[in-house]
Protein backbone atom coordinates (compact mmCIF):
# COMPACT_ATOMS: atom_id res chain seq x y z
CA UNK A 1 12.28 45.40 1.17
CA UNK A 2 11.08 44.17 -2.25
CA UNK A 3 8.34 45.73 -3.72
CA UNK A 4 5.94 43.64 -5.82
CA UNK A 5 4.71 46.33 -8.57
CA UNK A 6 2.33 43.77 -9.98
CA UNK A 7 -0.51 45.29 -7.63
CA UNK A 8 0.85 48.74 -7.74
CA UNK A 9 -2.09 49.93 -10.30
CA UNK A 10 -4.76 48.28 -8.31
CA UNK A 11 -3.54 50.09 -5.36
CA UNK A 12 -3.59 53.06 -6.75
CA UNK A 13 -7.13 53.03 -8.02
CA UNK A 14 -7.99 51.74 -4.46
CA UNK A 15 -6.74 55.04 -2.71
CA UNK A 16 -8.18 57.05 -5.92
CA UNK A 17 -12.00 55.11 -5.55
CA UNK A 18 -12.32 54.29 -2.03
CA UNK A 19 -14.97 56.13 -0.49
CA UNK A 20 -14.42 58.69 1.99
CA UNK A 21 -17.52 59.61 3.66
CA UNK A 22 -20.67 57.97 5.17
CA UNK A 23 -23.52 58.49 3.18
CA UNK A 24 -25.60 58.80 5.97
CA UNK A 25 -23.81 61.44 8.31
CA UNK A 26 -21.30 62.59 6.33
CA UNK A 27 -18.54 61.44 8.62
CA UNK A 28 -15.35 59.81 7.90
CA UNK A 29 -15.49 56.41 7.28
CA UNK A 30 -14.03 53.90 9.76
CA UNK A 31 -13.44 51.32 7.03
CA UNK A 32 -13.46 50.64 3.15
CA UNK A 33 -13.17 47.22 2.32
CA UNK A 34 -13.16 46.65 -1.70
CA UNK A 35 -14.23 43.38 -3.16
CA UNK A 36 -15.30 42.17 -6.58
CA UNK A 37 -18.45 40.76 -7.14
CA UNK A 38 -18.90 39.36 -10.92
CA UNK A 39 -17.43 42.21 -12.97
CA UNK A 40 -18.63 44.83 -10.27
CA UNK A 41 -16.05 46.48 -7.59
CA UNK A 42 -17.74 47.08 -4.83
CA UNK A 43 -16.86 48.68 -1.06
CA UNK A 44 -17.84 47.30 2.40
CA UNK A 45 -18.02 50.35 4.19
CA UNK A 46 -18.22 51.04 8.31
CA UNK A 47 -18.93 54.71 9.93
CA UNK A 48 -18.48 54.45 13.92
CA UNK A 49 -19.86 58.07 14.10
CA UNK A 50 -23.61 56.79 13.48
CA UNK A 51 -23.28 53.20 13.09
CA UNK A 52 -23.82 53.02 9.42
CA UNK A 53 -22.68 49.88 7.15
CA UNK A 54 -23.29 48.64 3.69
CA UNK A 55 -22.02 48.77 0.39
CA UNK A 56 -21.00 51.10 -1.92
CA UNK A 57 -20.50 50.41 -5.98
CA UNK A 58 -18.48 52.83 -7.80
CA UNK A 59 -20.03 53.83 -10.97
CA UNK A 60 -17.59 56.42 -12.29
CA UNK A 61 -18.32 60.00 -11.85
CA UNK A 62 -20.99 59.25 -9.32
CA UNK A 63 -21.40 56.47 -6.77
CA UNK A 64 -24.79 54.06 -6.40
CA UNK A 65 -25.72 52.88 -2.58
CA UNK A 66 -26.38 48.94 -2.23
CA UNK A 67 -28.64 49.33 0.58
CA UNK A 68 -32.08 48.18 1.36
CA UNK A 69 -35.02 50.84 1.40
CA UNK A 70 -35.90 52.21 4.44
């Protein structure tokens, strides 16, 4: 099998930066799908534990949610 090395750095960044825990219940996330919006990396996330879904935008050492006020 031939491995395409052009995306190795992107794959490593995804593994490093993908959210792992739900911001609502602190359970493990079921999915964290990365996408780009202009220059911002975003992760669409879903938690099967509490039903939360939303976007998380990495901001360096901290993360800011992309969720409407309750």
